Amino acid sequence: MLNFKQKLTGISTLIFDVDGVLTDGKVLVMESGEMVRNMNSKDGYALHLAVTKGYRMAVISGGNNVAVKNALARTGISDVFIGIHDKLACYEDYLKKNNLNNSEVLYVGDDLPDHEVMSRVGLAVCPNNAAVEIKQICHYVSPCNGGEGCVRDIVEQVLRSQGKWEIVKW
């Protein structure tokens, strides 16, 4: 059986949850009712680099925040599925549309709504502050918390394992 580092070399597709992964999980509720989330710029750079290197990138989130979708678009990620209540159905549809196998997919999640998808992918990974049930099924737990560099850690490991981590112009 391949270990985590060996499995990284076969990854072509990275899929992320938003709240607790790309954000720190905190939501600031403004007087207007707008909900503001905090994202890490180093995570954004890593996502952009992976897009420029030809990786298939997607986001599947139960949240429905247009600002997050716009921020992800700036990194080059076009497959952003927000307001998704059945993540497994969305994931399976994505695999079918893109002719993918579970083994080439890395999924980063942090909480129970991610569990079904994470139990199927080739590489399940999570931030350090993920739910216990998620940590138990992961191949790798980042030492970084969600929204605090865990995405950068994971994307960088994938790209380095495949010789694609390098400086590029934003």
C-alpha atoms as a PDB file:
ATOM      1  CA  MET A   1       0.000   0.000   0.000  1.00  0.00           C
ATOM      2  CA  LEU A   2       1.278   3.456  -0.927  1.00  0.00           C
ATOM      3  CA  ASN A   3       2.015   5.964   1.814  1.00  0.00           C
ATOM      4  CA  PHE A   4       0.904   9.607   1.818  1.00  0.00           C
ATOM      5  CA  LYS A   5       4.004  10.994   0.061  1.00  0.00           C
ATOM      6  CA  GLN A   6       3.815   8.340  -2.662  1.00  0.00           C
ATOM      7  CA  LYS A   7       0.106   9.016  -3.264  1.00  0.00           C
ATOM      8  CA  LEU A   8       0.830  12.719  -3.834  1.00  0.00           C
ATOM      9  CA  THR A   9       2.517  11.917  -7.130  1.00  0.00           C
ATOM     10  CA  GLY A  10      -0.717  10.558  -8.621  1.00  0.00           C
ATOM     11  CA  ILE A  11      -2.926  13.549  -7.780  1.00  0.00           C
ATOM     12  CA  SER A  12      -4.370  15.522 -10.696  1.00  0.00           C
ATOM     13  CA  THR A  13      -7.361  17.083  -8.966  1.00  0.00           C
ATOM     14  CA  LEU A  14      -7.683  18.992  -5.705  1.00  0.00           C
ATOM     15  CA  ILE A  15     -11.077  19.698  -4.144  1.00  0.00           C
ATOM     16  CA  PHE A  16     -11.631  21.921  -1.128  1.00  0.00           C
ATOM     17  CA  ASP A  17     -14.330  22.737   1.361  1.00  0.00           C
ATOM     18  CA  VAL A  18     -14.511  26.446   2.282  1.00  0.00           C
ATOM     19  CA  ASP A  19     -15.441  27.153   5.900  1.00  0.00           C
ATOM     20  CA  GLY A  20     -12.784  25.741   8.206  1.00  0.00           C
ATOM     21  CA  VAL A  21     -10.437  24.907   5.314  1.00  0.00           C
ATOM     22  CA  LEU A  22     -10.009  27.959   3.080  1.00  0.00           C
ATOM     23  CA  THR A  23     -11.246  30.147   5.943  1.00  0.00           C
ATOM     24  CA  ASP A  24     -10.567  30.011   9.657  1.00  0.00           C
ATOM     25  CA  GLY A  25     -14.184  29.007  10.222  1.00  0.00           C
ATOM     26  CA  LYS A  26     -15.100  32.251  11.921  1.00  0.00           C
ATOM     27  CA  VAL A  27     -17.929  34.299  10.446  1.00  0.00           C
ATOM     28  CA  LEU A  28     -18.227  37.995  11.198  1.00  0.00           C
ATOM     29  CA  VAL A  29     -21.863  39.009  10.926  1.00  0.00           C
ATOM     30  CA  MET A  30     -22.191  42.626   9.860  1.00  0.00           C
ATOM     31  CA  GLU A  31     -25.082  44.860  10.892  1.00  0.00           C
ATOM     32  CA  SER A  32     -26.395  44.567   7.327  1.00  0.00           C
ATOM     33  CA  GLY A  33     -26.564  40.779   7.732  1.00  0.00           C
ATOM     34  CA  GLU A  34     -23.586  40.219   5.431  1.00  0.00           C
ATOM     35  CA  MET A  35     -21.358  37.387   6.609  1.00  0.00           C
ATOM     36  CA  VAL A  36     -17.636  38.072   6.235  1.00  0.00           C
ATOM     37  CA  ARG A  37     -15.017  35.314   6.183  1.00  0.00           C
ATOM     38  CA  ASN A  38     -11.239  35.419   6.596  1.00  0.00           C
ATOM     39  CA  MET A  39      -8.986  33.795   3.959  1.00  0.00           C
ATOM     40  CA  ASN A  40      -5.184  33.411   3.880  1.00  0.00           C
ATOM     41  CA  SER A  41      -3.264  35.069   1.019  1.00  0.00           C
ATOM     42  CA  LYS A  42      -0.597  32.322   1.023  1.00  0.00           C
ATOM     43  CA  ASP A  43      -3.349  29.763   0.471  1.00  0.00           C
ATOM     44  CA  GLY A  44      -4.559  31.925  -2.435  1.00  0.00           C
ATOM     45  CA  TYR A  45      -1.113  32.016  -4.023  1.00  0.00           C
ATOM     46  CA  ALA A  46      -0.769  28.221  -3.786  1.00  0.00           C
ATOM     47  CA  LEU A  47      -4.192  27.744  -5.377  1.00  0.00           C
ATOM     48  CA  HIS A  48      -3.270  30.110  -8.213  1.00  0.00           C
ATOM     49  CA  LEU A  49       0.021  28.308  -8.796  1.00  0.00           C
ATOM     50  CA  ALA A  50      -1.725  24.929  -8.961  1.00  0.00           C
ATOM     51  CA  VAL A  51      -4.186  26.306 -11.518  1.00  0.00           C
ATOM     52  CA  THR A  52      -1.349  27.687 -13.662  1.00  0.00           C
ATOM     53  CA  LYS A  53       0.395  24.310 -13.498  1.00  0.00           C
ATOM     54  CA  GLY A  54      -2.671  22.604 -14.970  1.00  0.00           C
ATOM     55  CA  TYR A  55      -4.205  20.951 -11.933  1.00  0.00           C
ATOM     56  CA  ARG A  56      -7.953  20.519 -11.915  1.00  0.00           C
ATOM     57  CA  MET A  57      -9.222  22.524  -8.931  1.00  0.00           C
ATOM     58  CA  ALA A  58     -12.701  22.631  -7.424  1.00  0.00           C
ATOM     59  CA  VAL A  59     -14.532  23.831  -4.349  1.00  0.00           C
ATOM     60  CA  ILE A  60     -17.619  22.186  -2.881  1.00  0.00           C
ATOM     61  CA  SER A  61     -19.228  24.153  -0.074  1.00  0.00           C
ATOM     62  CA  GLY A  62     -22.485  24.090   1.795  1.00  0.00           C
ATOM     63  CA  GLY A  63     -22.120  27.839   2.306  1.00  0.00           C
ATOM     64  CA  ASN A  64     -23.422  30.293  -0.229  1.00  0.00           C
ATOM     65  CA  ASN A  65     -21.121  33.306  -0.138  1.00  0.00           C
ATOM     66  CA  VAL A  66     -20.639  35.192  -3.410  1.00  0.00           C
ATOM     67  CA  ALA A  67     -17.590  37.057  -2.019  1.00  0.00           C
ATOM     68  CA  VAL A  68     -15.829  33.725  -1.462  1.00  0.00           C
ATOM     69  CA  LYS A  69     -16.732  32.610  -4.991  1.00  0.00           C
ATOM     70  CA  ASN A  70     -15.282  35.864  -6.372  1.00  0.00           C
ATOM     71  CA  ALA A  71     -12.097  35.466  -4.317  1.00  0.00           C
ATOM     72  CA  LEU A  72     -11.662  31.932  -5.664  1.00  0.00           C
ATOM     73  CA  ALA A  73     -12.242  33.142  -9.215  1.00  0.00           C
ATOM     74  CA  ARG A  74      -9.253  35.497  -8.777  1.00  0.00           C
ATOM     75  CA  THR A  75      -7.072  32.443  -8.122  1.00  0.00           C
ATOM     76  CA  GLY A  76      -8.285  30.913 -11.384  1.00  0.00           C
ATOM     77  CA  ILE A  77     -10.582  28.277  -9.880  1.00  0.00           C
ATOM     78  CA  SER A  78     -13.692  28.114 -12.034  1.00  0.00           C
ATOM     79  CA  ASP A  79     -15.324  24.971 -10.629  1.00  0.00           C
ATOM     80  CA  VAL A  80     -16.878  26.471  -7.507  1.00  0.00           C
ATOM     81  CA  PHE A  81     -19.992  24.760  -6.218  1.00  0.00           C
ATOM     82  CA  ILE A  82     -21.612  26.728  -3.388  1.00  0.00           C
ATOM     83  CA  GLY A  83     -24.844  26.110  -1.526  1.00  0.00           C
ATOM     84  CA  ILE A  84     -24.355  22.362  -1.954  1.00  0.00           C
ATOM     85  CA  HIS A  85     -26.252  20.245   0.553  1.00  0.00           C
ATOM     86  CA  ASP A  86     -25.350  16.865  -0.963  1.00  0.00           C
ATOM     87  CA  LYS A  87     -21.579  17.038  -1.369  1.00  0.00           C
ATOM     88  CA  LEU A  88     -21.315  13.388  -2.383  1.00  0.00           C
ATOM     89  CA  ALA A  89     -23.720  13.814  -5.313  1.00  0.00           C
ATOM     90  CA  CYS A  90     -21.850  16.943  -6.420  1.00  0.00           C
ATOM     91  CA  TYR A  91     -18.524  15.106  -6.145  1.00  0.00           C
ATOM     92  CA  GLU A  92     -19.730  12.075  -8.098  1.00  0.00           C
ATOM     93  CA  ASP A  93     -21.158  14.321 -10.817  1.00  0.00           C
ATOM     94  CA  TYR A  94     -17.842  16.186 -11.008  1.00  0.00           C
ATOM     95  CA  LEU A  95     -15.930  12.911 -11.388  1.00  0.00           C
ATOM     96  CA  LYS A  96     -18.224  11.755 -14.157  1.00  0.00           C
ATOM     97  CA  LYS A  97     -18.124  15.063 -16.075  1.00  0.00           C
ATOM     98  CA  ASN A  98     -14.322  15.174 -15.895  1.00  0.00           C
ATOM     99  CA  ASN A  99     -13.676  11.460 -16.439  1.00  0.00           C
ATOM    100  CA  LEU A 100     -11.853  11.109 -13.118  1.00  0.00           C
ATOM    101  CA  ASN A 101     -11.142   8.230 -10.764  1.00  0.00           C
ATOM    102  CA  ASN A 102     -11.224   8.557  -6.976  1.00  0.00           C
ATOM    103  CA  SER A 103      -7.527   7.663  -6.804  1.00  0.00           C
ATOM    104  CA  GLU A 104      -6.406  10.876  -8.538  1.00  0.00           C
ATOM    105  CA  VAL A 105      -8.427  13.175  -6.263  1.00  0.00           C
ATOM    106  CA  LEU A 106      -7.252  14.902  -3.105  1.00  0.00           C
ATOM    107  CA  TYR A 107     -10.027  16.384  -0.946  1.00  0.00           C
ATOM    108  CA  VAL A 108      -9.499  18.803   1.929  1.00  0.00           C
ATOM    109  CA  GLY A 109     -12.331  18.939   4.432  1.00  0.00           C
ATOM    110  CA  ASP A 110     -12.734  19.646   8.103  1.00  0.00           C
ATOM    111  CA  ASP A 111     -16.157  18.610   9.343  1.00  0.00           C
ATOM    112  CA  LEU A 112     -18.882  15.973   9.155  1.00  0.00           C
ATOM    113  CA  PRO A 113     -20.501  17.156   5.872  1.00  0.00           C
ATOM    114  CA  ASP A 114     -17.185  16.278   4.158  1.00  0.00           C
ATOM    115  CA  HIS A 115     -16.972  12.737   5.572  1.00  0.00           C
ATOM    116  CA  GLU A 116     -18.761  10.831   2.781  1.00  0.00           C
ATOM    117  CA  VAL A 117     -16.625  12.362   0.029  1.00  0.00           C
ATOM    118  CA  MET A 118     -13.404  12.060   2.019  1.00  0.00           C
ATOM    119  CA  SER A 119     -13.986   8.360   2.611  1.00  0.00           C
ATOM    120  CA  ARG A 120     -13.929   7.780  -1.176  1.00  0.00           C
ATOM    121  CA  VAL A 121     -11.075   9.920  -2.511  1.00  0.00           C
ATOM    122  CA  GLY A 122      -7.519   8.819  -3.156  1.00  0.00           C
ATOM    123  CA  LEU A 123      -6.169  11.261  -0.575  1.00  0.00           C
ATOM    124  CA  ALA A 124      -8.202  12.693   2.280  1.00  0.00           C
ATOM    125  CA  VAL A 125      -6.496  15.531   4.122  1.00  0.00           C
ATOM    126  CA  CYS A 126      -7.571  18.069   6.709  1.00  0.00           C
ATOM    127  CA  PRO A 127      -6.426  21.041   8.770  1.00  0.00           C
ATOM    128  CA  ASN A 128      -5.105  20.503  12.285  1.00  0.00           C
ATOM    129  CA  ASN A 129      -8.309  21.811  13.847  1.00  0.00           C
ATOM    130  CA  ALA A 130     -10.654  19.465  11.930  1.00  0.00           C
ATOM    131  CA  ALA A 131     -13.319  17.412  13.672  1.00  0.00           C
ATOM    132  CA  VAL A 132     -12.078  14.207  15.306  1.00  0.00           C
ATOM    133  CA  GLU A 133     -14.159  12.033  12.954  1.00  0.00           C
ATOM    134  CA  ILE A 134     -12.496  13.681   9.957  1.00  0.00           C
ATOM    135  CA  LYS A 135      -8.977  13.306  11.358  1.00  0.00           C
ATOM    136  CA  GLN A 136      -9.643   9.587  11.839  1.00  0.00           C
ATOM    137  CA  ILE A 137     -10.189   8.990   8.094  1.00  0.00           C
ATOM    138  CA  CYS A 138      -7.430  11.270   6.793  1.00  0.00           C
ATOM    139  CA  HIS A 139      -4.216  10.196   5.156  1.00  0.00           C
ATOM    140  CA  TYR A 140      -2.628  13.467   6.308  1.00  0.00           C
ATOM    141  CA  VAL A 141      -3.434  16.098   8.929  1.00  0.00           C
ATOM    142  CA  SER A 142      -1.761  19.436   8.232  1.00  0.00           C
ATOM    143  CA  PRO A 143       0.012  21.037  11.181  1.00  0.00           C
ATOM    144  CA  CYS A 144      -1.770  24.272  10.150  1.00  0.00           C
ATOM    145  CA  ASN A 145      -5.326  25.209  11.046  1.00  0.00           C
ATOM    146  CA  GLY A 146      -8.007  26.036   8.505  1.00  0.00           C
ATOM    147  CA  GLY A 147      -7.551  29.503   7.030  1.00  0.00           C
ATOM    148  CA  GLU A 148      -4.052  29.641   8.509  1.00  0.00           C
ATOM    149  CA  GLY A 149      -1.970  28.016   5.786  1.00  0.00           C
ATOM    150  CA  CYS A 150      -3.245  24.429   5.664  1.00  0.00           C
ATOM    151  CA  VAL A 151      -4.204  24.808   1.999  1.00  0.00           C
ATOM    152  CA  ARG A 152      -0.744  26.187   1.181  1.00  0.00           C
ATOM    153  CA  ASP A 153       0.849  23.268   3.060  1.00  0.00           C
ATOM    154  CA  ILE A 154      -1.143  20.666   1.151  1.00  0.00           C
ATOM    155  CA  VAL A 155      -0.958  22.251  -2.317  1.00  0.00           C
ATOM    156  CA  GLU A 156       2.769  22.847  -1.931  1.00  0.00           C
ATOM    157  CA  GLN A 157       3.331  19.190  -1.020  1.00  0.00           C
ATOM    158  CA  VAL A 158       1.435  18.006  -4.108  1.00  0.00           C
ATOM    159  CA  LEU A 159       3.322  20.348  -6.432  1.00  0.00           C
ATOM    160  CA  ARG A 160       6.722  19.619  -4.877  1.00  0.00           C
ATOM    161  CA  SER A 161       6.128  15.856  -5.138  1.00  0.00           C
ATOM    162  CA  GLN A 162       5.545  16.313  -8.876  1.00  0.00           C
ATOM    163  CA  GLY A 163       8.383  18.811  -9.445  1.00  0.00           C
ATOM    164  CA  LYS A 164       6.010  21.713 -10.172  1.00  0.00           C
ATOM    165  CA  TRP A 165       6.559  24.044  -7.204  1.00  0.00           C
ATOM    166  CA  GLU A 166       8.239  27.213  -8.466  1.00  0.00           C
ATOM    167  CA  ILE A 167       7.955  30.969  -8.527  1.00  0.00           C
ATOM    168  CA  VAL A 168       5.475  32.300 -11.063  1.00  0.00           C
ATOM    169  CA  LYS A 169       4.101  35.765 -11.747  1.00  0.00           C
ATOM    170  CA  TRP A 170       0.646  36.375 -10.304  1.00  0.00           C
END
